[in-house]
Amino acid sequence: MSKPIVALVGAPNVGKSTLFNRLVGDRLAVVDEIPGTTRDRLMAECEWAGTRFDVVDTGGIDPTAGVSGAPAGQSRPLSIGSSEYVAQIRFQAVMAIRDADAVLFLTDALAGPTAADEEIAELLRRHQRAEGGRREPPVLLVINKCENEERQQGIYAFYRLGLGDPCPISALHGTGVGELLDAVVKLLPVGEAEDQEESRVGIAILGKPNVGKSSLLNRILGEERAIVSPTPGTTRDAVDTQLEVSGIGVTLIDTAGIRRRGKIEPGVEYYSVLRALKAIERADVALLVLDAAEGVTAQDAHIAGFILAARKSTVVLINKWDLLRKEPGVAEAYTAQVRSALNFMDYVPVLFISALTGQRVEEVLPLALRVQEERLVRIPTAELNRLLREATQKHAPPARAGRKLKIYYAAQVRTDPPTFLIHVNDPDLVHFTYRRFLENEIRRTYGFLGTPLQISFRRRR
């Protein structure tokens, strides 16, 4: 089941990016005094009290920006280049509460409740009324910049927004953030997955815009299940389709094209990308679709990095293969280029297809299911330790400053993805090249086609 998502929404310059950086523990978001700095949204993982969830930073929503007659001091002009996106950025409030599991509505204690705050609060309440009055997702009203007692006394004015008790914090100094996280964790859904969903294999179709993902889905299903258009970005939602392949239940997930962050427009397109990233979390196997005419681009590698970070199995599909002129050895040369560009995923199978003509499309799902089977392989402990003994005889463990790495014992502690724990005398002696060598030795014997391996080293007590 995918991790819960917490969205940060609010007017410009209330400290959303500062709070985002505080929650995820890194300066991932650009922080600036100029309102409207955040246009490319960010998502990163946060963990609190044993609960992991994704935090989404969004651009400032100011419904009053550019509106003639807006009360003086009640709205702030957006930075140059952002004002043209006012309508789209406003739409993010609706999209945020629709796709998130909890919403943190940030306001500014120094400015007090503004007209923009009241408009955003009304948007939140309006959506909840449209959903039958249920507070799904719940909204927490957060009053930022409460650095001193005087500002904390002013939070009572925010009760007029009608969103319950305010949570005073200082994102800059960290004051009250722990209490806020306690409240957030209590609101997040408990991870429960239906047995029927657990028994199905999730296969997500991923790639940048206009590589033919929806065409591939339609060709696999034999019907016009998804809208197909030559215009990049046609698919907005992650679309689930259930079917059976050789008696195995499969959920196919078509997703919006993922552009690089600088190319993502505010509003609906960003949240389409957000759903695509959620689809990776829900999937067991990712079908990474590339355009044969373009080769492996930087954005293709970027998407592959998302898949690897989620520890998902992968099949690379080279679509539009019918458009390339065929010469002897062209497929082998193309495969070598893919391996070189995606050298961090050199274990994935590469299949050349054409969604337009149907070339090799019938091989896609059987290959994905084979990769899923490899994901569930478990190596008996005795065989794993025998393999490692032979590996150390072939290539002696490294040494540093007169100390040599000693491998005592190993076990596969889980599948999905395959995870191995190796007990050694000192984990600091394990060089990344030797880790890669051991991984290659495991793959040479047991395959694990298309599946990432996780190898951890622990000091033996």
Protein backbone atom coordinates (compact mmCIF):
# COMPACT_ATOMS: atom_id res chain seq x y z
CA MET A 1 0.00 0.00 0.00
CA SER A 2 1.33 3.46 -0.83
CA LYS A 3 2.45 5.82 1.92
CA PRO A 4 -0.03 8.49 3.08
CA ILE A 5 0.43 11.98 1.61
CA VAL A 6 0.34 15.23 3.57
CA ALA A 7 -0.04 18.39 1.46
CA LEU A 8 1.07 21.85 2.57
CA VAL A 9 -1.21 24.59 1.25
CA GLY A 10 -1.51 28.28 2.00
CA ALA A 11 -1.06 31.82 0.70
CA PRO A 12 2.32 32.97 -0.63
CA ASN A 13 5.17 33.55 1.79
CA VAL A 14 3.59 31.96 4.88
CA GLY A 15 6.52 29.52 5.29
CA LYS A 16 5.37 26.36 3.51
CA SER A 17 8.78 25.62 2.03
CA THR A 18 10.49 26.32 5.36
CA LEU A 19 8.16 23.86 7.08
CA PHE A 20 8.69 21.35 4.27
CA ASN A 21 12.46 21.51 4.76
CA ARG A 22 11.98 21.17 8.52
CA LEU A 23 9.77 18.07 8.16
CA VAL A 24 11.93 16.19 5.67
CA GLY A 25 15.19 17.22 7.32
CA ASP A 26 16.85 18.73 4.25
CA ARG A 27 16.90 21.99 2.27
CA LEU A 28 15.09 20.55 -0.75
CA ALA A 29 12.77 23.51 -1.28
CA VAL A 30 13.95 26.95 -2.35
CA VAL A 31 13.13 29.44 0.41
CA ASP A 32 12.90 33.14 -0.44
CA GLU A 33 11.21 36.23 0.94
CA ILE A 34 9.60 36.88 -2.46
CA PRO A 35 6.09 35.40 -2.58
CA GLY A 36 5.56 32.83 -5.30
CA THR A 37 9.09 31.39 -5.19
CA THR A 38 7.83 27.80 -5.13
CA ARG A 39 6.40 26.97 -8.53
CA ASP A 40 7.89 23.49 -9.00
CA ARG A 41 6.36 21.40 -6.26
CA LEU A 42 8.37 18.90 -4.22
CA MET A 43 7.59 15.62 -2.51
CA ALA A 44 9.79 13.89 0.05
CA GLU A 45 9.41 11.34 2.82
CA CYS A 46 8.97 12.19 6.48
CA GLU A 47 9.01 9.74 9.39
CA TRP A 48 7.61 10.45 12.84
CA ALA A 49 6.80 8.08 15.71
CA GLY A 50 7.34 5.08 13.45
CA THR A 51 4.96 6.38 10.75
CA ARG A 52 6.27 7.17 7.29
CA PHE A 53 4.43 9.53 4.96
CA ASP A 54 5.17 11.78 1.99
CA VAL A 55 5.06 15.57 2.37
CA VAL A 56 4.14 17.71 -0.64
CA ASP A 57 5.19 21.34 -0.88
CA THR A 58 2.94 23.50 -3.08
CA GLY A 59 3.00 26.99 -4.51
CA GLY A 60 1.35 29.87 -2.72
CA ILE A 61 -2.39 30.16 -3.36
CA ASP A 62 -3.55 33.79 -3.43
CA PRO A 63 -7.07 34.06 -4.87
CA THR A 64 -6.95 37.86 -4.45
CA ALA A 65 -3.78 38.38 -6.49
CA GLY A 66 -4.40 40.60 -9.48
CA VAL A 67 -8.02 41.23 -8.46
CA SER A 68 -8.96 44.89 -8.64
CA GLY A 69 -10.45 46.24 -5.47
CA ALA A 70 -8.76 43.73 -3.20
CA PRO A 71 -8.32 45.25 0.26
CA ALA A 72 -4.99 46.92 0.75
CA GLY A 73 -2.58 44.77 2.69
CA GLN A 74 -4.77 41.73 2.29
CA SER A 75 -2.95 40.20 -0.66
CA ARG A 76 0.61 40.15 -1.86
CA PRO A 77 1.74 40.39 -5.48
CA LEU A 78 3.28 37.22 -6.85
CA SER A 79 6.79 37.27 -8.20
CA ILE A 80 7.30 37.98 -11.88
CA GLY A 81 6.50 34.87 -13.90
CA SER A 82 4.07 33.43 -11.32
CA SER A 83 1.11 35.80 -11.66
CA GLU A 84 0.14 34.21 -14.98
CA TYR A 85 -0.50 30.97 -13.08
CA VAL A 86 -2.93 32.40 -10.51
CA ALA A 87 -5.90 30.36 -11.77
CA GLN A 88 -3.91 27.14 -11.94
CA ILE A 89 -2.27 27.65 -8.55
CA ARG A 90 -5.69 28.31 -7.00
CA PHE A 91 -6.86 25.00 -8.41
CA GLN A 92 -4.15 23.26 -6.38
CA ALA A 93 -6.18 23.68 -3.19
CA VAL A 94 -8.94 21.46 -4.56
CA MET A 95 -6.46 18.97 -6.01
CA ALA A 96 -4.49 18.84 -2.77
CA ILE A 97 -7.43 17.90 -0.57
CA ARG A 98 -8.66 15.43 -3.19
CA ASP A 99 -5.40 13.49 -3.44
CA ALA A 100 -3.84 13.94 0.01
CA ASP A 101 -4.62 12.01 3.18
CA ALA A 102 -4.20 15.14 5.32
CA VAL A 103 -3.81 18.85 4.58
CA LEU A 104 -1.78 21.36 6.57
CA PHE A 105 -3.22 24.83 5.91
CA LEU A 106 -0.46 27.32 6.78
CA THR A 107 -1.11 30.93 7.75
CA ASP A 108 1.08 33.77 8.99
CA ALA A 109 0.79 34.89 12.62
CA LEU A 110 2.46 38.20 11.79
CA ALA A 111 -0.01 39.08 9.02
CA GLY A 112 -3.11 37.74 10.78
CA PRO A 113 -6.05 36.21 8.91
CA THR A 114 -6.00 37.69 5.39
CA ALA A 115 -8.58 37.73 2.64
CA ALA A 116 -6.53 35.06 0.88
CA ASP A 117 -6.65 32.88 4.02
CA GLU A 118 -10.43 33.23 4.22
CA GLU A 119 -10.83 32.33 0.54
CA ILE A 120 -8.62 29.24 0.89
CA ALA A 121 -10.50 28.17 4.02
CA GLU A 122 -13.77 28.49 2.10
CA LEU A 123 -12.34 26.35 -0.70
CA LEU A 124 -11.45 23.67 1.83
CA ARG A 125 -14.87 23.77 3.50
CA ARG A 126 -16.68 23.82 0.14
CA HIS A 127 -14.94 20.66 -0.98
CA GLN A 128 -15.69 18.90 2.29
CA ARG A 129 -19.38 19.81 1.98
CA ALA A 130 -19.31 18.44 -1.57
CA GLU A 131 -17.99 15.17 -0.16
CA GLY A 132 -21.01 14.79 2.11
CA GLY A 133 -19.73 16.82 5.04
CA ARG A 134 -17.01 14.27 5.91
CA ARG A 135 -13.68 15.75 6.89
CA GLU A 136 -11.77 13.64 4.39
CA PRO A 137 -8.99 14.43 4.22
CA PRO A 138 -8.75 16.23 7.56
CA VAL A 139 -7.39 19.78 7.57
CA LEU A 140 -5.07 21.11 10.27
CA LEU A 141 -4.90 24.90 10.61
CA VAL A 142 -1.24 25.79 11.25
CA ILE A 143 -0.22 29.29 12.40
CA ASN A 144 3.40 29.80 11.43
CA LYS A 145 5.94 32.39 12.63
CA CYS A 146 4.87 32.14 16.29
CA GLU A 147 8.37 32.89 17.54
CA ASN A 148 7.31 34.67 20.72
CA GLU A 149 4.48 34.79 23.24
CA GLU A 150 2.96 37.95 21.75
CA ARG A 151 2.45 36.31 18.38
CA GLN A 152 1.07 33.16 20.01
CA GLN A 153 -1.57 35.28 21.74
CA GLY A 154 -2.74 36.43 18.32
CA ILE A 155 -3.68 32.95 17.08
CA TYR A 156 -7.21 33.26 18.47
CA ALA A 157 -8.11 35.58 15.60
CA PHE A 158 -7.73 32.59 13.26
CA TYR A 159 -10.74 30.81 14.80
CA ARG A 160 -12.87 32.88 12.43
CA LEU A 161 -11.58 30.71 9.56
CA GLY A 162 -13.78 27.93 10.92
CA LEU A 163 -11.22 25.12 10.69
CA GLY A 164 -10.92 24.14 14.34
CA ASP A 165 -8.15 24.73 16.84
CA PRO A 166 -5.04 26.41 15.39
CA CYS A 167 -1.61 24.78 15.83
CA PRO A 168 1.00 27.49 16.56
CA ILE A 169 4.51 26.72 15.29
CA SER A 170 7.72 28.33 14.14
CA ALA A 171 8.94 26.44 11.07
CA LEU A 172 12.15 28.47 11.13
CA HIS A 173 13.10 27.58 14.70
CA GLY A 174 11.23 24.26 15.01
CA THR A 175 9.00 25.41 17.87
CA GLY A 176 5.79 23.37 18.06
CA VAL A 177 6.68 21.18 15.06
CA GLY A 178 6.87 18.05 17.21
CA GLU A 179 3.36 18.64 18.56
CA LEU A 180 2.15 19.29 15.00
CA LEU A 181 3.62 15.98 13.80
CA ASP A 182 1.95 14.17 16.70
CA ALA A 183 -1.38 15.55 15.52
CA VAL A 184 -0.67 14.66 11.88
CA VAL A 185 0.21 11.04 12.67
CA LYS A 186 -3.07 10.59 14.56
CA LEU A 187 -5.00 11.73 11.47
CA LEU A 188 -3.30 9.49 8.91
CA PRO A 189 -5.06 6.29 7.80
CA VAL A 190 -3.85 2.99 9.14
CA GLY A 191 -2.23 0.91 6.39
CA GLU A 192 -4.81 -1.68 5.48
CA ALA A 193 -4.93 -3.46 2.15
CA GLU A 194 -7.72 -5.68 0.94
CA ASP A 195 -6.85 -9.35 0.44
CA GLN A 196 -8.04 -9.16 -3.14
CA GLU A 197 -5.70 -6.27 -3.90
CA GLU A 198 -2.80 -8.02 -2.16
CA SER A 199 -3.27 -11.09 -4.36
CA ARG A 200 -3.09 -9.03 -7.57
CA VAL A 201 0.13 -8.02 -9.30
CA GLY A 202 0.34 -4.26 -9.76
CA ILE A 203 2.00 -3.23 -13.05
CA ALA A 204 2.48 0.52 -13.62
CA ILE A 205 3.11 1.95 -17.09
CA LEU A 206 5.53 4.85 -16.65
CA GLY A 207 7.44 7.28 -18.82
CA LYS A 208 7.74 10.87 -19.90
CA PRO A 209 4.88 12.47 -21.89
CA ASN A 210 4.00 11.24 -25.36
CA VAL A 211 6.05 8.02 -25.42
CA GLY A 212 2.92 5.92 -26.06
CA LYS A 213 1.88 4.72 -22.59
CA SER A 214 -1.87 4.97 -23.22
CA SER A 215 -1.49 3.47 -26.69
CA LEU A 216 0.30 0.53 -25.11
CA LEU A 217 -2.49 0.10 -22.56
CA ASN A 218 -5.12 0.14 -25.31
CA ARG A 219 -3.15 -2.38 -27.39
CA ILE A 220 -2.76 -4.73 -24.42
CA LEU A 221 -6.46 -4.53 -23.59
CA GLY A 222 -7.58 -4.59 -27.22
CA GLU A 223 -9.88 -1.63 -26.70
CA GLU A 224 -9.84 2.15 -26.39
CA ARG A 225 -9.60 2.11 -22.60
CA ALA A 226 -7.49 5.29 -22.35
CA ILE A 227 -7.68 8.54 -24.32
CA VAL A 228 -4.88 8.67 -26.86
CA SER A 229 -3.64 11.97 -28.26
CA PRO A 230 -0.41 13.21 -29.87
CA THR A 231 -0.53 16.11 -27.40
CA PRO A 232 1.84 15.45 -24.46
CA GLY A 233 0.14 15.30 -21.06
CA THR A 234 -3.27 13.98 -22.20
CA THR A 235 -3.47 11.45 -19.37
CA ARG A 236 -4.17 13.29 -16.11
CA ASP A 237 -5.08 10.49 -13.71
CA ALA A 238 -3.54 7.15 -12.84
CA VAL A 239 -6.06 4.74 -14.40
CA ASP A 240 -6.42 1.22 -12.96
CA THR A 241 -7.57 -1.67 -15.16
CA GLN A 242 -7.98 -5.18 -13.77
CA LEU A 243 -7.50 -8.29 -15.90
CA GLU A 244 -6.25 -11.87 -15.71
CA VAL A 245 -3.15 -13.22 -17.43
CA SER A 246 -2.71 -17.02 -17.38
CA GLY A 247 -4.93 -17.18 -14.31
CA ILE A 248 -3.02 -14.45 -12.43
CA GLY A 249 -4.85 -11.30 -11.36
CA VAL A 250 -3.19 -8.15 -12.71
CA THR A 251 -3.88 -4.47 -12.07
CA LEU A 252 -2.58 -2.31 -14.92
CA ILE A 253 -1.95 1.30 -13.91
CA ASP A 254 -1.68 3.86 -16.70
CA THR A 255 -0.11 7.11 -15.52
CA ALA A 256 0.48 10.68 -16.61
CA GLY A 257 3.81 11.46 -18.22
CA ILE A 258 6.45 12.59 -15.74
CA ARG A 259 8.32 15.67 -16.91
CA ARG A 260 11.44 17.03 -15.29
CA ARG A 261 10.58 19.44 -12.47
CA GLY A 262 11.44 22.60 -14.39
CA LYS A 263 8.88 21.67 -17.06
CA ILE A 264 5.98 20.84 -14.74
CA GLU A 265 3.23 23.45 -14.92
CA PRO A 266 1.38 24.47 -11.76
CA GLY A 267 -2.03 23.00 -11.02
CA VAL A 268 -3.49 19.89 -12.55
CA GLU A 269 -0.31 18.75 -14.32
CA TYR A 270 1.69 18.71 -11.12
CA TYR A 271 -0.87 16.58 -9.34
CA SER A 272 -0.94 14.23 -12.34
CA VAL A 273 2.76 13.68 -11.72
CA LEU A 274 2.04 13.22 -8.02
CA ARG A 275 -0.41 10.43 -8.86
CA ALA A 276 2.20 8.83 -11.11
CA LEU A 277 4.65 8.76 -8.20
CA LYS A 278 1.95 7.23 -6.00
CA ALA A 279 1.39 4.63 -8.72
CA ILE A 280 5.05 3.59 -8.40
CA GLU A 281 4.47 2.96 -4.70
CA ARG A 282 1.39 0.82 -5.45
CA ALA A 283 3.05 -1.23 -8.18
CA ASP A 284 5.12 -4.40 -7.98
CA VAL A 285 6.57 -4.04 -11.48
CA ALA A 286 7.15 -0.83 -13.45
CA LEU A 287 7.06 -0.78 -17.23
CA LEU A 288 9.39 2.08 -18.18
CA VAL A 289 8.40 3.14 -21.70
CA LEU A 290 11.02 4.92 -23.84
CA ASP A 291 10.74 6.51 -27.29
CA ALA A 292 12.91 4.59 -29.73
CA ALA A 293 13.50 7.69 -31.87
CA GLU A 294 14.80 9.72 -28.91
CA GLY A 295 16.84 7.10 -27.08
CA VAL A 296 17.42 7.31 -23.32
CA THR A 297 17.04 10.92 -22.23
CA ALA A 298 17.98 12.52 -18.92
CA GLN A 299 14.31 12.49 -17.94
CA ASP A 300 14.04 8.76 -18.66
CA ALA A 301 16.96 8.21 -16.28
CA HIS A 302 15.25 10.51 -13.76
CA ILE A 303 12.08 8.37 -13.82
CA ALA A 304 14.20 5.22 -13.55
CA GLY A 305 15.70 6.76 -10.41
CA PHE A 306 12.20 7.17 -8.92
CA ILE A 307 11.51 3.48 -9.60
CA LEU A 308 14.81 2.37 -8.09
CA ALA A 309 14.30 4.54 -5.00
CA ALA A 310 10.97 2.77 -4.44
CA ARG A 311 12.76 -0.63 -4.85
CA LYS A 312 10.40 -1.76 -7.59
CA SER A 313 11.12 -4.32 -10.31
CA THR A 314 11.40 -2.95 -13.83
CA VAL A 315 11.02 -3.83 -17.50
CA VAL A 316 12.29 -1.29 -20.07
CA LEU A 317 10.08 -1.07 -23.17
CA ILE A 318 11.48 0.63 -26.28
CA ASN A 319 8.28 1.80 -28.00
CA LYS A 320 7.86 3.03 -31.60
CA TRP A 321 10.42 0.47 -32.75
CA ASP A 322 8.59 0.34 -36.09
CA LEU A 323 9.80 3.87 -36.89
CA LEU A 324 13.50 2.95 -36.89
CA ARG A 325 15.27 1.61 -39.95
CA LYS A 326 16.42 -1.91 -39.22
CA GLU A 327 20.02 -2.87 -39.85
CA PRO A 328 22.02 -5.91 -38.70
CA GLY A 329 22.92 -5.60 -35.01
CA VAL A 330 20.79 -2.49 -34.38
CA ALA A 331 18.87 -4.09 -31.50
CA GLU A 332 22.08 -5.22 -29.77
CA ALA A 333 23.67 -1.78 -30.18
CA TYR A 334 20.52 -0.08 -28.87
CA THR A 335 20.41 -2.41 -25.87
CA ALA A 336 24.03 -1.55 -25.08
CA GLN A 337 23.15 2.15 -25.14
CA VAL A 338 20.26 1.56 -22.75
CA ARG A 339 22.50 -0.43 -20.40
CA SER A 340 25.09 2.35 -20.44
CA ALA A 341 22.58 5.16 -19.82
CA LEU A 342 20.78 3.20 -17.07
CA ASN A 343 23.92 1.61 -15.62
CA PHE A 344 22.39 1.68 -12.14
CA MET A 345 19.69 -0.72 -13.42
CA ASP A 346 21.72 -3.02 -15.66
CA TYR A 347 19.73 -6.03 -14.43
CA VAL A 348 16.48 -5.01 -16.17
CA PRO A 349 15.25 -6.73 -19.35
CA VAL A 350 14.84 -4.63 -22.51
CA LEU A 351 12.00 -5.34 -24.95
CA PHE A 352 11.51 -3.62 -28.32
CA ILE A 353 7.82 -3.04 -29.11
CA SER A 354 5.40 -1.00 -31.18
CA ALA A 355 2.11 -0.09 -29.54
CA LEU A 356 0.92 1.13 -32.93
CA THR A 357 1.46 -2.11 -34.86
CA GLY A 358 1.30 -4.50 -31.91
CA GLN A 359 4.86 -5.77 -32.43
CA ARG A 360 5.86 -7.93 -29.40
CA VAL A 361 3.15 -6.34 -27.25
CA GLU A 362 1.89 -9.84 -26.41
CA GLU A 363 5.24 -10.45 -24.66
CA VAL A 364 4.96 -7.48 -22.30
CA LEU A 365 2.74 -8.87 -19.53
CA PRO A 366 4.27 -12.39 -19.49
CA LEU A 367 7.70 -10.77 -19.10
CA ALA A 368 6.42 -8.50 -16.31
CA LEU A 369 4.94 -11.51 -14.48
CA ARG A 370 8.21 -13.40 -14.86
CA VAL A 371 10.02 -10.44 -13.29
CA GLN A 372 7.47 -10.46 -10.44
CA GLU A 373 8.21 -14.16 -9.82
CA GLU A 374 11.91 -13.35 -9.59
CA ARG A 375 11.03 -10.69 -7.02
CA LEU A 376 9.62 -13.38 -4.73
CA VAL A 377 12.52 -15.85 -4.98
CA ARG A 378 14.05 -16.88 -1.64
CA ILE A 379 17.54 -18.40 -1.44
CA PRO A 380 18.00 -21.06 1.27
CA THR A 381 20.48 -19.89 3.90
CA ALA A 382 22.86 -22.81 3.37
CA GLU A 383 23.03 -22.16 -0.38
CA LEU A 384 23.54 -18.43 0.14
CA ASN A 385 26.48 -18.99 2.50
CA ARG A 386 28.02 -21.52 0.13
CA LEU A 387 27.74 -18.96 -2.67
CA LEU A 388 29.44 -16.30 -0.56
CA ARG A 389 32.28 -18.66 0.40
CA GLU A 390 32.93 -19.37 -3.26
CA ALA A 391 32.74 -15.65 -4.04
CA THR A 392 35.35 -14.77 -1.39
CA GLN A 393 37.66 -17.48 -2.75
CA LYS A 394 37.29 -16.03 -6.24
CA HIS A 395 37.81 -12.42 -5.07
CA ALA A 396 39.29 -11.87 -1.62
CA PRO A 397 37.51 -9.31 0.60
CA PRO A 398 39.13 -5.85 0.74
CA ALA A 399 41.41 -4.61 3.49
CA ARG A 400 42.03 -1.14 4.87
CA ALA A 401 44.86 0.02 7.14
CA GLY A 402 45.92 -3.56 7.76
CA ARG A 403 42.40 -4.74 8.64
CA LYS A 404 40.72 -7.24 6.34
CA LEU A 405 36.98 -7.62 5.85
CA LYS A 406 35.68 -10.92 7.22
CA ILE A 407 32.30 -12.32 6.20
CA TYR A 408 30.86 -14.62 8.87
CA TYR A 409 27.28 -15.40 7.94
CA ALA A 410 24.49 -14.31 5.59
CA ALA A 411 20.73 -14.77 5.30
CA GLN A 412 17.94 -13.54 3.07
CA VAL A 413 15.69 -11.75 5.54
CA ARG A 414 12.82 -10.93 3.17
CA THR A 415 11.50 -10.97 -0.38
CA ASP A 416 9.61 -8.30 -2.30
CA PRO A 417 12.24 -6.96 -2.85
CA PRO A 418 14.92 -9.57 -2.03
CA THR A 419 16.85 -8.32 0.99
CA PHE A 420 20.04 -9.87 2.33
CA LEU A 421 21.76 -9.34 5.68
CA ILE A 422 25.48 -10.19 5.86
CA HIS A 423 27.27 -10.32 9.22
CA VAL A 424 30.86 -9.05 9.04
CA ASN A 425 33.61 -7.92 11.40
CA ASP A 426 33.38 -4.26 10.33
CA PRO A 427 30.80 -2.81 7.88
CA ASP A 428 33.10 0.18 7.23
CA LEU A 429 35.50 -2.14 5.42
CA VAL A 430 32.91 -2.96 2.74
CA HIS A 431 33.80 -0.98 -0.37
CA PHE A 432 30.94 -0.29 -2.79
CA THR A 433 32.78 -2.18 -5.54
CA TYR A 434 32.88 -5.31 -3.37
CA ARG A 435 29.19 -4.90 -2.55
CA ARG A 436 28.52 -4.76 -6.29
CA PHE A 437 30.71 -7.84 -6.83
CA LEU A 438 28.68 -9.84 -4.29
CA GLU A 439 25.43 -8.67 -5.87
CA ASN A 440 26.64 -9.78 -9.30
CA GLU A 441 27.61 -13.19 -7.92
CA ILE A 442 24.13 -13.63 -6.45
CA ARG A 443 22.54 -12.61 -9.75
CA ARG A 444 24.84 -14.88 -11.75
CA THR A 445 23.51 -17.89 -9.86
CA TYR A 446 19.90 -16.94 -9.09
CA GLY A 447 19.02 -14.34 -11.70
CA PHE A 448 16.57 -11.94 -10.03
CA LEU A 449 15.73 -10.60 -13.48
CA GLY A 450 14.58 -6.98 -13.41
CA THR A 451 14.56 -6.89 -9.61
CA PRO A 452 16.69 -4.71 -7.31
CA LEU A 453 18.58 -6.42 -4.51
CA GLN A 454 19.07 -4.83 -1.13
CA ILE A 455 22.23 -5.93 0.69
CA SER A 456 22.99 -4.76 4.23
CA PHE A 457 26.08 -5.42 6.32
CA ARG A 458 25.95 -5.70 10.09
CA ARG A 459 28.75 -5.92 12.62
CA ARG A 460 28.73 -9.24 14.46
CA ARG A 461 28.59 -8.63 18.17
